Amino acid sequence: MIIHSIVPPEHIFPVDDAAFSNRTHCLWNNIPLLVEQSGQSCKVVRIISSNPSDYLRTEIQPGTNLHINDIQFN
């Protein structure tokens, strides 16, 4: 397989699984998200939705911190 990308290889092929150990899938107002947990907050890593309007919501843009009580974990 050949990948032509401007993204560095270490981002495509991570060297260890520890970088992804604190990531989990969850729901916020029935919108599926991938978040990183840290204490009582979760940082949005990725929006996983088929609804285009969900990507325009400023409160769940990647990098935004959400309180853990607002999230429903699977």
N, C-alpha and C. Protein backbone atom coordinates (compact mmCIF):
# COMPACT_ATOMS: atom_id res chain seq x y z
N MET A 1 0.84 -1.16 0.00
CA MET A 1 0.00 0.00 0.00
C MET A 1 0.89 1.23 0.00
N ILE A 2 0.56 2.19 -0.84
CA ILE A 2 1.30 3.44 -0.93
C ILE A 2 0.36 4.57 -0.52
N ILE A 3 0.83 5.40 0.40
CA ILE A 3 0.03 6.54 0.85
C ILE A 3 0.77 7.81 0.44
N HIS A 4 0.13 8.63 -0.37
CA HIS A 4 0.67 9.93 -0.76
C HIS A 4 -0.03 10.97 0.10
N SER A 5 0.69 11.53 1.05
CA SER A 5 0.06 12.46 1.99
C SER A 5 1.07 13.48 2.47
N ILE A 6 0.57 14.65 2.85
CA ILE A 6 1.43 15.66 3.44
C ILE A 6 1.53 15.48 4.96
N VAL A 7 0.73 14.57 5.50
CA VAL A 7 0.74 14.28 6.94
C VAL A 7 1.98 13.43 7.25
N PRO A 8 2.71 13.77 8.31
CA PRO A 8 3.89 12.97 8.67
C PRO A 8 3.53 11.52 8.98
N PRO A 9 4.40 10.58 8.66
CA PRO A 9 4.10 9.15 8.88
C PRO A 9 3.79 8.80 10.33
N GLU A 10 4.38 9.50 11.30
CA GLU A 10 4.11 9.17 12.70
C GLU A 10 2.68 9.49 13.11
N HIS A 11 1.99 10.36 12.36
CA HIS A 11 0.57 10.61 12.63
C HIS A 11 -0.32 9.54 12.00
N ILE A 12 0.11 8.97 10.91
CA ILE A 12 -0.66 7.93 10.24
C ILE A 12 -0.42 6.58 10.90
N PHE A 13 0.84 6.29 11.22
CA PHE A 13 1.22 5.02 11.84
C PHE A 13 1.84 5.30 13.20
N PRO A 14 1.03 5.42 14.26
CA PRO A 14 1.60 5.71 15.58
C PRO A 14 2.46 4.55 16.08
N VAL A 15 3.48 4.91 16.86
CA VAL A 15 4.43 3.90 17.31
C VAL A 15 3.90 3.08 18.48
N ASP A 16 3.00 3.62 19.28
CA ASP A 16 2.47 2.85 20.41
C ASP A 16 0.98 3.15 20.60
N ASP A 17 0.30 2.26 21.28
CA ASP A 17 -1.12 2.42 21.53
C ASP A 17 -1.43 3.32 22.72
N ALA A 18 -0.42 3.71 23.46
CA ALA A 18 -0.64 4.55 24.64
C ALA A 18 -1.20 5.92 24.26
N ALA A 19 -0.89 6.38 23.06
CA ALA A 19 -1.40 7.68 22.62
C ALA A 19 -2.91 7.67 22.46
N PHE A 20 -3.51 6.50 22.25
CA PHE A 20 -4.93 6.40 22.04
C PHE A 20 -5.67 5.72 23.20
N SER A 21 -4.98 5.46 24.29
CA SER A 21 -5.60 4.70 25.38
C SER A 21 -6.67 5.49 26.13
N ASN A 22 -6.59 6.81 26.14
CA ASN A 22 -7.58 7.59 26.88
C ASN A 22 -8.70 8.13 25.99
N ARG A 23 -8.78 7.68 24.75
CA ARG A 23 -9.85 8.11 23.84
C ARG A 23 -11.02 7.12 23.90
N THR A 24 -12.22 7.67 23.85
CA THR A 24 -13.41 6.82 23.90
C THR A 24 -14.54 7.45 23.09
N HIS A 25 -15.46 6.61 22.64
CA HIS A 25 -16.63 7.08 21.91
C HIS A 25 -17.73 7.41 22.91
N CYS A 26 -18.50 8.45 22.61
CA CYS A 26 -19.58 8.85 23.50
C CYS A 26 -20.66 9.58 22.69
N LEU A 27 -21.74 9.95 23.37
CA LEU A 27 -22.82 10.71 22.77
C LEU A 27 -23.00 12.02 23.52
N TRP A 28 -23.17 13.10 22.80
CA TRP A 28 -23.50 14.40 23.37
C TRP A 28 -24.74 14.88 22.61
N ASN A 29 -25.87 14.97 23.27
CA ASN A 29 -27.15 15.33 22.63
C ASN A 29 -27.41 14.49 21.39
N ASN A 30 -27.19 13.18 21.52
CA ASN A 30 -27.38 12.20 20.44
C ASN A 30 -26.46 12.41 19.25
N ILE A 31 -25.34 13.10 19.46
CA ILE A 31 -24.33 13.28 18.42
C ILE A 31 -23.12 12.45 18.83
N PRO A 32 -22.70 11.49 18.01
CA PRO A 32 -21.55 10.67 18.37
C PRO A 32 -20.24 11.44 18.25
N LEU A 33 -19.40 11.30 19.29
CA LEU A 33 -18.12 12.00 19.35
C LEU A 33 -17.02 11.05 19.77
N LEU A 34 -15.80 11.40 19.42
CA LEU A 34 -14.61 10.74 19.95
C LEU A 34 -13.94 11.76 20.85
N VAL A 35 -13.75 11.41 22.13
CA VAL A 35 -13.22 12.36 23.11
C VAL A 35 -12.03 11.78 23.84
N GLU A 36 -11.20 12.68 24.40
CA GLU A 36 -10.10 12.31 25.29
C GLU A 36 -10.50 12.72 26.69
N GLN A 37 -10.50 11.77 27.60
CA GLN A 37 -10.88 12.06 28.98
C GLN A 37 -9.68 12.58 29.76
N SER A 38 -9.93 13.60 30.59
CA SER A 38 -8.92 14.09 31.52
C SER A 38 -9.65 14.71 32.71
N GLY A 39 -9.73 13.93 33.78
CA GLY A 39 -10.40 14.39 34.99
C GLY A 39 -11.90 14.49 34.80
N GLN A 40 -12.48 15.67 35.09
CA GLN A 40 -13.92 15.89 34.98
C GLN A 40 -14.31 16.52 33.65
N SER A 41 -13.39 16.58 32.70
CA SER A 41 -13.72 17.14 31.40
C SER A 41 -13.25 16.21 30.29
N CYS A 42 -13.82 16.40 29.13
CA CYS A 42 -13.46 15.61 27.95
C CYS A 42 -13.20 16.57 26.80
N LYS A 43 -12.10 16.37 26.12
CA LYS A 43 -11.74 17.19 24.97
C LYS A 43 -12.24 16.50 23.71
N VAL A 44 -12.98 17.21 22.88
CA VAL A 44 -13.51 16.65 21.64
C VAL A 44 -12.36 16.46 20.66
N VAL A 45 -12.19 15.23 20.19
CA VAL A 45 -11.15 14.92 19.21
C VAL A 45 -11.76 14.88 17.81
N ARG A 46 -12.95 14.28 17.71
CA ARG A 46 -13.56 14.09 16.39
C ARG A 46 -15.07 13.99 16.52
N ILE A 47 -15.77 14.56 15.54
CA ILE A 47 -17.21 14.42 15.45
C ILE A 47 -17.49 13.27 14.48
N ILE A 48 -18.29 12.31 14.91
CA ILE A 48 -18.59 11.14 14.08
C ILE A 48 -20.08 11.15 13.80
N SER A 49 -20.50 11.95 12.85
CA SER A 49 -21.92 12.11 12.57
C SER A 49 -22.16 12.13 11.07
N SER A 50 -23.33 11.68 10.66
CA SER A 50 -23.69 11.73 9.25
C SER A 50 -24.53 12.97 8.93
N ASN A 51 -24.80 13.78 9.94
CA ASN A 51 -25.58 15.00 9.77
C ASN A 51 -24.62 16.18 9.58
N PRO A 52 -24.61 16.81 8.42
CA PRO A 52 -23.67 17.91 8.17
C PRO A 52 -23.84 19.09 9.12
N SER A 53 -25.04 19.34 9.63
CA SER A 53 -25.24 20.48 10.52
C SER A 53 -24.56 20.29 11.88
N ASP A 54 -24.26 19.03 12.26
CA ASP A 54 -23.56 18.79 13.52
C ASP A 54 -22.14 19.35 13.49
N TYR A 55 -21.53 19.41 12.32
CA TYR A 55 -20.17 19.91 12.19
C TYR A 55 -20.10 21.43 12.30
N LEU A 56 -21.23 22.10 12.23
CA LEU A 56 -21.27 23.56 12.35
C LEU A 56 -21.53 24.02 13.78
N ARG A 57 -21.79 23.12 14.69
CA ARG A 57 -22.06 23.48 16.09
C ARG A 57 -20.76 23.86 16.78
N THR A 58 -20.69 25.09 17.27
CA THR A 58 -19.44 25.59 17.87
C THR A 58 -19.16 24.94 19.22
N GLU A 59 -20.19 24.46 19.92
CA GLU A 59 -19.98 23.89 21.24
C GLU A 59 -19.32 22.52 21.22
N ILE A 60 -19.24 21.86 20.06
CA ILE A 60 -18.60 20.54 19.99
C ILE A 60 -17.50 20.48 18.93
N GLN A 61 -16.95 21.62 18.56
CA GLN A 61 -15.86 21.61 17.60
C GLN A 61 -14.64 20.92 18.21
N PRO A 62 -13.83 20.23 17.41
CA PRO A 62 -12.63 19.57 17.94
C PRO A 62 -11.74 20.56 18.70
N GLY A 63 -11.32 20.11 19.88
CA GLY A 63 -10.52 20.95 20.77
C GLY A 63 -11.33 21.55 21.90
N THR A 64 -12.66 21.51 21.79
CA THR A 64 -13.53 22.04 22.82
C THR A 64 -13.60 21.08 24.00
N ASN A 65 -13.63 21.62 25.21
CA ASN A 65 -13.76 20.81 26.42
C ASN A 65 -15.22 20.75 26.84
N LEU A 66 -15.70 19.55 27.11
CA LEU A 66 -17.06 19.31 27.59
C LEU A 66 -17.00 18.74 29.00
N HIS A 67 -17.98 19.10 29.82
CA HIS A 67 -18.04 18.54 31.17
C HIS A 67 -18.49 17.09 31.08
N ILE A 68 -17.92 16.25 31.91
CA ILE A 68 -18.17 14.81 31.84
C ILE A 68 -19.63 14.46 32.13
N ASN A 69 -20.35 15.32 32.87
CA ASN A 69 -21.77 15.05 33.17
C ASN A 69 -22.68 15.29 31.99
N ASP A 70 -22.21 16.04 30.98
CA ASP A 70 -23.02 16.32 29.79
C ASP A 70 -22.93 15.23 28.74
N ILE A 71 -22.08 14.24 28.97
CA ILE A 71 -21.78 13.21 27.97
C ILE A 71 -22.36 11.87 28.41
N GLN A 72 -22.89 11.14 27.44
CA GLN A 72 -23.39 9.78 27.69
C GLN A 72 -22.40 8.79 27.06
N PHE A 73 -21.76 8.00 27.90
CA PHE A 73 -20.78 7.02 27.42
C PHE A 73 -21.48 5.73 27.02
N ASN A 74 -20.97 5.11 25.97
CA ASN A 74 -21.55 3.84 25.46
C ASN A 74 -21.21 2.68 26.34
